[in-house]
Amino acid sequence: MRNYLRAVAAADTDDAEAVTDKLRTMYIDNFGETVRIRADGRVMRDPYLLQVNSPQQAGSPTDHFQYLKTIPAEQAYLPAAQSECPLMKQ
């Protein structure tokens, strides 16, 4: 909601199309992670690759995952040029 309100203020209107266009040009706060929204609506965030711990690997009852690496958004998602979304064709 905060990002939407920031976009409304930046666009100086609450017109849905103008606010959507503004959101796609802004960096968005996604729970402390800075992301952007592509023209097709895809939120471009870097996903994490995690491995589930076996019961033997778990050091505590809440030790569920082992972090392996962060995958850059540009590698994790279909490139914009290959998108079939009509919004990308405009």
PDB file of N, CA and C in Angstrom:
ATOM      1  N   MET A   1       0.825  -1.175   0.000  1.00  0.00           N
ATOM      2  CA  MET A   1       0.000   0.000   0.000  1.00  0.00           C
ATOM      3  C   MET A   1       0.881   1.256   0.000  1.00  0.00           C
ATOM      4  N   ARG A   2       1.963   1.216   0.773  1.00  0.00           N
ATOM      5  CA  ARG A   2       2.850   2.383   0.832  1.00  0.00           C
ATOM      6  C   ARG A   2       3.424   2.719  -0.541  1.00  0.00           C
ATOM      7  N   ASN A   3       3.791   1.689  -1.304  1.00  0.00           N
ATOM      8  CA  ASN A   3       4.327   1.924  -2.647  1.00  0.00           C
ATOM      9  C   ASN A   3       3.270   2.539  -3.555  1.00  0.00           C
ATOM     10  N   TYR A   4       2.029   2.064  -3.438  1.00  0.00           N
ATOM     11  CA  TYR A   4       0.936   2.630  -4.219  1.00  0.00           C
ATOM     12  C   TYR A   4       0.750   4.107  -3.877  1.00  0.00           C
ATOM     13  N   LEU A   5       0.750   4.423  -2.579  1.00  0.00           N
ATOM     14  CA  LEU A   5       0.568   5.817  -2.173  1.00  0.00           C
ATOM     15  C   LEU A   5       1.731   6.688  -2.624  1.00  0.00           C
ATOM     16  N   ARG A   6       2.936   6.145  -2.606  1.00  0.00           N
ATOM     17  CA  ARG A   6       4.091   6.885  -3.130  1.00  0.00           C
ATOM     18  C   ARG A   6       3.922   7.159  -4.623  1.00  0.00           C
ATOM     19  N   ALA A   7       3.405   6.170  -5.360  1.00  0.00           N
ATOM     20  CA  ALA A   7       3.189   6.339  -6.806  1.00  0.00           C
ATOM     21  C   ALA A   7       2.091   7.367  -7.081  1.00  0.00           C
ATOM     22  N   VAL A   8       1.032   7.362  -6.266  1.00  0.00           N
ATOM     23  CA  VAL A   8      -0.035   8.360  -6.411  1.00  0.00           C
ATOM     24  C   VAL A   8       0.538   9.758  -6.199  1.00  0.00           C
ATOM     25  N   ALA A   9       1.345   9.906  -5.169  1.00  0.00           N
ATOM     26  CA  ALA A   9       1.952  11.215  -4.901  1.00  0.00           C
ATOM     27  C   ALA A   9       2.887  11.631  -6.027  1.00  0.00           C
ATOM     28  N   ALA A  10       3.690  10.703  -6.532  1.00  0.00           N
ATOM     29  CA  ALA A  10       4.636  11.023  -7.606  1.00  0.00           C
ATOM     30  C   ALA A  10       3.922  11.342  -8.911  1.00  0.00           C
ATOM     31  N   ALA A  11       2.798  10.642  -9.175  1.00  0.00           N
ATOM     32  CA  ALA A  11       2.038  10.885 -10.402  1.00  0.00           C
ATOM     33  C   ALA A  11       1.121  12.100 -10.261  1.00  0.00           C
ATOM     34  N   ASP A  12       0.906  12.535  -9.028  1.00  0.00           N
ATOM     35  CA  ASP A  12       0.037  13.667  -8.725  1.00  0.00           C
ATOM     36  C   ASP A  12      -1.393  13.437  -9.203  1.00  0.00           C
ATOM     37  N   THR A  13      -1.832  12.175  -9.135  1.00  0.00           N
ATOM     38  CA  THR A  13      -3.185  11.794  -9.517  1.00  0.00           C
ATOM     39  C   THR A  13      -3.460  10.407  -8.946  1.00  0.00           C
ATOM     40  N   ASP A  14      -4.740  10.045  -8.884  1.00  0.00           N
ATOM     41  CA  ASP A  14      -5.076   8.675  -8.499  1.00  0.00           C
ATOM     42  C   ASP A  14      -5.631   7.898  -9.697  1.00  0.00           C
ATOM     43  N   ASP A  15      -5.435   8.448 -10.899  1.00  0.00           N
ATOM     44  CA  ASP A  15      -5.819   7.756 -12.129  1.00  0.00           C
ATOM     45  C   ASP A  15      -5.047   6.438 -12.225  1.00  0.00           C
ATOM     46  N   ALA A  16      -5.769   5.334 -12.364  1.00  0.00           N
ATOM     47  CA  ALA A  16      -5.157   4.002 -12.319  1.00  0.00           C
ATOM     48  C   ALA A  16      -4.040   3.829 -13.341  1.00  0.00           C
ATOM     49  N   GLU A  17      -4.261   4.259 -14.565  1.00  0.00           N
ATOM     50  CA  GLU A  17      -3.242   4.083 -15.605  1.00  0.00           C
ATOM     51  C   GLU A  17      -1.991   4.915 -15.314  1.00  0.00           C
ATOM     52  N   ALA A  18      -2.188   6.141 -14.874  1.00  0.00           N
ATOM     53  CA  ALA A  18      -1.046   7.010 -14.553  1.00  0.00           C
ATOM     54  C   ALA A  18      -0.256   6.459 -13.369  1.00  0.00           C
ATOM     55  N   VAL A  19      -0.967   5.956 -12.360  1.00  0.00           N
ATOM     56  CA  VAL A  19      -0.291   5.393 -11.187  1.00  0.00           C
ATOM     57  C   VAL A  19       0.450   4.116 -11.557  1.00  0.00           C
ATOM     58  N   THR A  20      -0.163   3.276 -12.381  1.00  0.00           N
ATOM     59  CA  THR A  20       0.497   2.045 -12.832  1.00  0.00           C
ATOM     60  C   THR A  20       1.751   2.380 -13.618  1.00  0.00           C
ATOM     61  N   ASP A  21       1.660   3.342 -14.512  1.00  0.00           N
ATOM     62  CA  ASP A  21       2.840   3.764 -15.279  1.00  0.00           C
ATOM     63  C   ASP A  21       3.943   4.266 -14.353  1.00  0.00           C
ATOM     64  N   LYS A  22       3.570   5.023 -13.332  1.00  0.00           N
ATOM     65  CA  LYS A  22       4.554   5.551 -12.382  1.00  0.00           C
ATOM     66  C   LYS A  22       5.189   4.414 -11.578  1.00  0.00           C
ATOM     67  N   LEU A  23       4.381   3.446 -11.148  1.00  0.00           N
ATOM     68  CA  LEU A  23       4.922   2.297 -10.397  1.00  0.00           C
ATOM     69  C   LEU A  23       5.993   1.566 -11.194  1.00  0.00           C
ATOM     70  N   ARG A  24       5.805   1.485 -12.490  1.00  0.00           N
ATOM     71  CA  ARG A  24       6.753   0.752 -13.339  1.00  0.00           C
ATOM     72  C   ARG A  24       8.051   1.516 -13.564  1.00  0.00           C
ATOM     73  N   THR A  25       8.097   2.767 -13.156  1.00  0.00           N
ATOM     74  CA  THR A  25       9.344   3.537 -13.281  1.00  0.00           C
ATOM     75  C   THR A  25      10.053   3.696 -11.941  1.00  0.00           C
ATOM     76  N   MET A  26       9.403   3.279 -10.867  1.00  0.00           N
ATOM     77  CA  MET A  26       9.940   3.467  -9.518  1.00  0.00           C
ATOM     78  C   MET A  26      10.605   2.185  -9.005  1.00  0.00           C
ATOM     79  N   TYR A  27      11.493   2.372  -8.050  1.00  0.00           N
ATOM     80  CA  TYR A  27      11.976   1.225  -7.289  1.00  0.00           C
ATOM     81  C   TYR A  27      11.006   1.036  -6.134  1.00  0.00           C
ATOM     82  N   ILE A  28      10.638  -0.206  -5.877  1.00  0.00           N
ATOM     83  CA  ILE A  28       9.604  -0.551  -4.910  1.00  0.00           C
ATOM     84  C   ILE A  28      10.246  -1.199  -3.690  1.00  0.00           C
ATOM     85  N   ASP A  29       9.749  -0.851  -2.511  1.00  0.00           N
ATOM     86  CA  ASP A  29      10.198  -1.493  -1.282  1.00  0.00           C
ATOM     87  C   ASP A  29       9.352  -2.743  -1.075  1.00  0.00           C
ATOM     88  N   ASN A  30       9.963  -3.905  -1.213  1.00  0.00           N
ATOM     89  CA  ASN A  30       9.293  -5.185  -1.033  1.00  0.00           C
ATOM     90  C   ASN A  30       9.775  -5.792   0.284  1.00  0.00           C
ATOM     91  N   PHE A  31       9.217  -5.308   1.395  1.00  0.00           N
ATOM     92  CA  PHE A  31       9.583  -5.778   2.729  1.00  0.00           C
ATOM     93  C   PHE A  31      11.087  -5.661   2.970  1.00  0.00           C
ATOM     94  N   GLY A  32      11.628  -4.484   2.674  1.00  0.00           N
ATOM     95  CA  GLY A  32      13.035  -4.221   2.911  1.00  0.00           C
ATOM     96  C   GLY A  32      13.951  -4.540   1.751  1.00  0.00           C
ATOM     97  N   GLU A  33      13.422  -5.144   0.718  1.00  0.00           N
ATOM     98  CA  GLU A  33      14.198  -5.464  -0.484  1.00  0.00           C
ATOM     99  C   GLU A  33      13.755  -4.513  -1.591  1.00  0.00           C
ATOM    100  N   THR A  34      14.688  -3.885  -2.264  1.00  0.00           N
ATOM    101  CA  THR A  34      14.357  -2.965  -3.343  1.00  0.00           C
ATOM    102  C   THR A  34      14.181  -3.749  -4.635  1.00  0.00           C
ATOM    103  N   VAL A  35      13.007  -3.602  -5.255  1.00  0.00           N
ATOM    104  CA  VAL A  35      12.682  -4.319  -6.496  1.00  0.00           C
ATOM    105  C   VAL A  35      12.102  -3.323  -7.489  1.00  0.00           C
ATOM    106  N   ARG A  36      11.898  -3.793  -8.708  1.00  0.00           N
ATOM    107  CA  ARG A  36      11.218  -2.968  -9.707  1.00  0.00           C
ATOM    108  C   ARG A  36      10.131  -3.802 -10.370  1.00  0.00           C
ATOM    109  N   ILE A  37       9.200  -3.123 -11.009  1.00  0.00           N
ATOM    110  CA  ILE A  37       8.106  -3.797 -11.703  1.00  0.00           C
ATOM    111  C   ILE A  37       8.307  -3.586 -13.190  1.00  0.00           C
ATOM    112  N   ARG A  38       8.368  -4.682 -13.930  1.00  0.00           N
ATOM    113  CA  ARG A  38       8.554  -4.624 -15.378  1.00  0.00           C
ATOM    114  C   ARG A  38       7.234  -4.231 -16.044  1.00  0.00           C
ATOM    115  N   ALA A  39       7.263  -3.844 -17.296  1.00  0.00           N
ATOM    116  CA  ALA A  39       6.069  -3.392 -18.024  1.00  0.00           C
ATOM    117  C   ALA A  39       4.956  -4.434 -18.041  1.00  0.00           C
ATOM    118  N   ASP A  40       5.309  -5.727 -17.991  1.00  0.00           N
ATOM    119  CA  ASP A  40       4.292  -6.777 -17.993  1.00  0.00           C
ATOM    120  C   ASP A  40       3.764  -7.093 -16.597  1.00  0.00           C
ATOM    121  N   GLY A  41       4.216  -6.324 -15.593  1.00  0.00           N
ATOM    122  CA  GLY A  41       3.742  -6.530 -14.231  1.00  0.00           C
ATOM    123  C   GLY A  41       4.603  -7.466 -13.404  1.00  0.00           C
ATOM    124  N   ARG A  42       5.605  -8.073 -13.996  1.00  0.00           N
ATOM    125  CA  ARG A  42       6.502  -8.977 -13.277  1.00  0.00           C
ATOM    126  C   ARG A  42       7.324  -8.194 -12.264  1.00  0.00           C
ATOM    127  N   VAL A  43       7.260  -8.603 -11.020  1.00  0.00           N
ATOM    128  CA  VAL A  43       8.097  -7.992  -9.986  1.00  0.00           C
ATOM    129  C   VAL A  43       9.477  -8.618 -10.107  1.00  0.00           C
ATOM    130  N   MET A  44      10.454  -7.791 -10.411  1.00  0.00           N
ATOM    131  CA  MET A  44      11.820  -8.270 -10.627  1.00  0.00           C
ATOM    132  C   MET A  44      12.579  -8.250  -9.306  1.00  0.00           C
ATOM    133  N   ARG A  45      12.568  -9.396  -8.633  1.00  0.00           N
ATOM    134  CA  ARG A  45      13.280  -9.556  -7.373  1.00  0.00           C
ATOM    135  C   ARG A  45      14.220 -10.746  -7.495  1.00  0.00           C
ATOM    136  N   ASP A  46      15.281 -10.727  -6.739  1.00  0.00           N
ATOM    137  CA  ASP A  46      16.261 -11.807  -6.771  1.00  0.00           C
ATOM    138  C   ASP A  46      15.805 -12.939  -5.852  1.00  0.00           C
ATOM    139  N   PRO A  47      15.387 -14.083  -6.415  1.00  0.00           N
ATOM    140  CA  PRO A  47      14.981 -15.195  -5.552  1.00  0.00           C
ATOM    141  C   PRO A  47      16.196 -15.913  -4.966  1.00  0.00           C
ATOM    142  N   TYR A  48      15.959 -16.588  -3.866  1.00  0.00           N
ATOM    143  CA  TYR A  48      17.008 -17.350  -3.200  1.00  0.00           C
ATOM    144  C   TYR A  48      16.864 -18.824  -3.531  1.00  0.00           C
ATOM    145  N   LEU A  49      17.992 -19.488  -3.709  1.00  0.00           N
ATOM    146  CA  LEU A  49      17.998 -20.934  -3.875  1.00  0.00           C
ATOM    147  C   LEU A  49      18.340 -21.523  -2.517  1.00  0.00           C
ATOM    148  N   LEU A  50      17.415 -22.307  -1.971  1.00  0.00           N
ATOM    149  CA  LEU A  50      17.581 -22.918  -0.660  1.00  0.00           C
ATOM    150  C   LEU A  50      17.515 -24.435  -0.786  1.00  0.00           C
ATOM    151  N   GLN A  51      18.157 -25.114   0.105  1.00  0.00           N
ATOM    152  CA  GLN A  51      18.090 -26.574   0.158  1.00  0.00           C
ATOM    153  C   GLN A  51      17.437 -26.939   1.488  1.00  0.00           C
ATOM    154  N   VAL A  52      16.483 -27.840   1.444  1.00  0.00           N
ATOM    155  CA  VAL A  52      15.811 -28.281   2.661  1.00  0.00           C
ATOM    156  C   VAL A  52      16.756 -29.174   3.448  1.00  0.00           C
ATOM    157  N   ASN A  53      16.890 -28.895   4.734  1.00  0.00           N
ATOM    158  CA  ASN A  53      17.738 -29.717   5.595  1.00  0.00           C
ATOM    159  C   ASN A  53      17.045 -31.017   5.958  1.00  0.00           C
ATOM    160  N   SER A  54      17.801 -32.073   5.987  1.00  0.00           N
ATOM    161  CA  SER A  54      17.279 -33.339   6.496  1.00  0.00           C
ATOM    162  C   SER A  54      17.204 -33.232   8.012  1.00  0.00           C
ATOM    163  N   PRO A  55      16.473 -34.092   8.671  1.00  0.00           N
ATOM    164  CA  PRO A  55      16.437 -34.043  10.133  1.00  0.00           C
ATOM    165  C   PRO A  55      17.833 -34.147  10.757  1.00  0.00           C
ATOM    166  N   GLN A  56      18.733 -34.862  10.115  1.00  0.00           N
ATOM    167  CA  GLN A  56      20.091 -35.004  10.635  1.00  0.00           C
ATOM    168  C   GLN A  56      20.898 -33.704  10.483  1.00  0.00           C
ATOM    169  N   GLN A  57      20.617 -32.940   9.444  1.00  0.00           N
ATOM    170  CA  GLN A  57      21.335 -31.691   9.192  1.00  0.00           C
ATOM    171  C   GLN A  57      20.833 -30.539  10.059  1.00  0.00           C
ATOM    172  N   ALA A  58      19.600 -30.622  10.510  1.00  0.00           N
ATOM    173  CA  ALA A  58      19.000 -29.530  11.270  1.00  0.00           C
ATOM    174  C   ALA A  58      19.685 -29.389  12.625  1.00  0.00           C
ATOM    175  N   GLY A  59      20.133 -28.173  12.910  1.00  0.00           N
ATOM    176  CA  GLY A  59      20.786 -27.924  14.190  1.00  0.00           C
ATOM    177  C   GLY A  59      19.805 -27.576  15.287  1.00  0.00           C
ATOM    178  N   SER A  60      18.576 -27.241  14.913  1.00  0.00           N
ATOM    179  CA  SER A  60      17.532 -26.895  15.882  1.00  0.00           C
ATOM    180  C   SER A  60      16.176 -27.208  15.248  1.00  0.00           C
ATOM    181  N   PRO A  61      15.108 -27.177  16.037  1.00  0.00           N
ATOM    182  CA  PRO A  61      13.774 -27.464  15.472  1.00  0.00           C
ATOM    183  C   PRO A  61      13.326 -26.486  14.383  1.00  0.00           C
ATOM    184  N   THR A  62      13.942 -25.298  14.317  1.00  0.00           N
ATOM    185  CA  THR A  62      13.566 -24.313  13.297  1.00  0.00           C
ATOM    186  C   THR A  62      14.599 -24.191  12.180  1.00  0.00           C
ATOM    187  N   ASP A  63      15.569 -25.075  12.153  1.00  0.00           N
ATOM    188  CA  ASP A  63      16.629 -25.057  11.133  1.00  0.00           C
ATOM    189  C   ASP A  63      16.164 -25.870   9.928  1.00  0.00           C
ATOM    190  N   HIS A  64      15.377 -25.231   9.054  1.00  0.00           N
ATOM    191  CA  HIS A  64      14.724 -25.943   7.948  1.00  0.00           C
ATOM    192  C   HIS A  64      15.495 -25.889   6.634  1.00  0.00           C
ATOM    193  N   PHE A  65      16.237 -24.798   6.395  1.00  0.00           N
ATOM    194  CA  PHE A  65      16.843 -24.586   5.087  1.00  0.00           C
ATOM    195  C   PHE A  65      18.316 -24.231   5.210  1.00  0.00           C
ATOM    196  N   GLN A  66      19.005 -24.513   4.097  1.00  0.00           N
ATOM    197  CA  GLN A  66      20.392 -24.069   3.948  1.00  0.00           C
ATOM    198  C   GLN A  66      20.422 -23.155   2.721  1.00  0.00           C
ATOM    199  N   TYR A  67      20.911 -21.941   2.904  1.00  0.00           N
ATOM    200  CA  TYR A  67      21.028 -20.981   1.808  1.00  0.00           C
ATOM    201  C   TYR A  67      22.137 -21.441   0.874  1.00  0.00           C
ATOM    202  N   LEU A  68      21.847 -21.489  -0.433  1.00  0.00           N
ATOM    203  CA  LEU A  68      22.859 -21.865  -1.422  1.00  0.00           C
ATOM    204  C   LEU A  68      23.346 -20.649  -2.196  1.00  0.00           C
ATOM    205  N   LYS A  69      22.409 -19.858  -2.763  1.00  0.00           N
ATOM    206  CA  LYS A  69      22.817 -18.669  -3.499  1.00  0.00           C
ATOM    207  C   LYS A  69      21.606 -17.809  -3.834  1.00  0.00           C
ATOM    208  N   THR A  70      21.893 -16.600  -4.271  1.00  0.00           N
ATOM    209  CA  THR A  70      20.876 -15.680  -4.764  1.00  0.00           C
ATOM    210  C   THR A  70      20.950 -15.684  -6.279  1.00  0.00           C
ATOM    211  N   ILE A  71      19.798 -15.795  -6.914  1.00  0.00           N
ATOM    212  CA  ILE A  71      19.735 -15.817  -8.376  1.00  0.00           C
ATOM    213  C   ILE A  71      19.296 -14.426  -8.849  1.00  0.00           C
ATOM    214  N   PRO A  72      20.100 -13.746  -9.671  1.00  0.00           N
ATOM    215  CA  PRO A  72      19.701 -12.428 -10.167  1.00  0.00           C
ATOM    216  C   PRO A  72      18.375 -12.501 -10.931  1.00  0.00           C
ATOM    217  N   ALA A  73      17.529 -11.507 -10.730  1.00  0.00           N
ATOM    218  CA  ALA A  73      16.207 -11.493 -11.351  1.00  0.00           C
ATOM    219  C   ALA A  73      16.285 -11.663 -12.865  1.00  0.00           C
ATOM    220  N   GLU A  74      17.286 -11.056 -13.486  1.00  0.00           N
ATOM    221  CA  GLU A  74      17.414 -11.140 -14.944  1.00  0.00           C
ATOM    222  C   GLU A  74      17.659 -12.579 -15.414  1.00  0.00           C
ATOM    223  N   GLN A  75      18.211 -13.419 -14.548  1.00  0.00           N
ATOM    224  CA  GLN A  75      18.431 -14.834 -14.883  1.00  0.00           C
ATOM    225  C   GLN A  75      17.257 -15.709 -14.448  1.00  0.00           C
ATOM    226  N   ALA A  76      16.537 -15.279 -13.435  1.00  0.00           N
ATOM    227  CA  ALA A  76      15.478 -16.107 -12.860  1.00  0.00           C
ATOM    228  C   ALA A  76      14.187 -16.082 -13.675  1.00  0.00           C
ATOM    229  N   TYR A  77      13.932 -14.999 -14.376  1.00  0.00           N
ATOM    230  CA  TYR A  77      12.665 -14.837 -15.081  1.00  0.00           C
ATOM    231  C   TYR A  77      12.879 -14.755 -16.588  1.00  0.00           C
ATOM    232  N   LEU A  78      11.826 -15.068 -17.310  1.00  0.00           N
ATOM    233  CA  LEU A  78      11.844 -14.982 -18.767  1.00  0.00           C
ATOM    234  C   LEU A  78      12.221 -13.559 -19.174  1.00  0.00           C
ATOM    235  N   PRO A  79      13.144 -13.402 -20.113  1.00  0.00           N
ATOM    236  CA  PRO A  79      13.517 -12.054 -20.546  1.00  0.00           C
ATOM    237  C   PRO A  79      12.309 -11.295 -21.118  1.00  0.00           C
ATOM    238  N   ALA A  80      12.301 -10.001 -20.918  1.00  0.00           N
ATOM    239  CA  ALA A  80      11.198  -9.166 -21.402  1.00  0.00           C
ATOM    240  C   ALA A  80      10.984  -9.341 -22.900  1.00  0.00           C
ATOM    241  N   ALA A  81      12.054  -9.503 -23.657  1.00  0.00           N
ATOM    242  CA  ALA A  81      11.948  -9.648 -25.114  1.00  0.00           C
ATOM    243  C   ALA A  81      11.202 -10.920 -25.506  1.00  0.00           C
ATOM    244  N   GLN A  82      11.182 -11.915 -24.635  1.00  0.00           N
ATOM    245  CA  GLN A  82      10.496 -13.175 -24.932  1.00  0.00           C
ATOM    246  C   GLN A  82       9.108 -13.257 -24.321  1.00  0.00           C
ATOM    247  N   SER A  83       8.700 -12.226 -23.607  1.00  0.00           N
ATOM    248  CA  SER A  83       7.395 -12.232 -22.956  1.00  0.00           C
ATOM    249  C   SER A  83       6.296 -12.204 -23.998  1.00  0.00           C
ATOM    250  N   GLU A  84       5.235 -12.961 -23.755  1.00  0.00           N
ATOM    251  CA  GLU A  84       4.068 -12.953 -24.641  1.00  0.00           C
ATOM    252  C   GLU A  84       2.961 -12.068 -24.107  1.00  0.00           C
ATOM    253  N   CYS A  85       3.255 -11.371 -23.008  1.00  0.00           N
ATOM    254  CA  CYS A  85       2.259 -10.478 -22.408  1.00  0.00           C
ATOM    255  C   CYS A  85       1.975  -9.310 -23.350  1.00  0.00           C
ATOM    256  N   PRO A  86       0.704  -9.013 -23.604  1.00  0.00           N
ATOM    257  CA  PRO A  86       0.361  -7.885 -24.482  1.00  0.00           C
ATOM    258  C   PRO A  86       0.902  -6.550 -23.999  1.00  0.00           C
ATOM    259  N   LEU A  87       1.083  -6.401 -22.682  1.00  0.00           N
ATOM    260  CA  LEU A  87       1.616  -5.138 -22.167  1.00  0.00           C
ATOM    261  C   LEU A  87       3.051  -4.900 -22.640  1.00  0.00           C
ATOM    262  N   MET A  88       3.791  -5.944 -22.937  1.00  0.00           N
ATOM    263  CA  MET A  88       5.164  -5.804 -23.401  1.00  0.00           C
ATOM    264  C   MET A  88       5.228  -5.469 -24.888  1.00  0.00           C
ATOM    265  N   LYS A  89       4.122  -5.619 -25.593  1.00  0.00           N
ATOM    266  CA  LYS A  89       4.093  -5.382 -27.041  1.00  0.00           C
ATOM    267  C   LYS A  89       3.726  -3.947 -27.370  1.00  0.00           C
ATOM    268  N   GLN A  90       3.372  -3.148 -26.362  1.00  0.00           N
ATOM    269  CA  GLN A  90       2.924  -1.766 -26.624  1.00  0.00           C
ATOM    270  C   GLN A  90       4.054  -0.880 -26.995  1.00  0.00           C
TER     271      GLN A  90
END
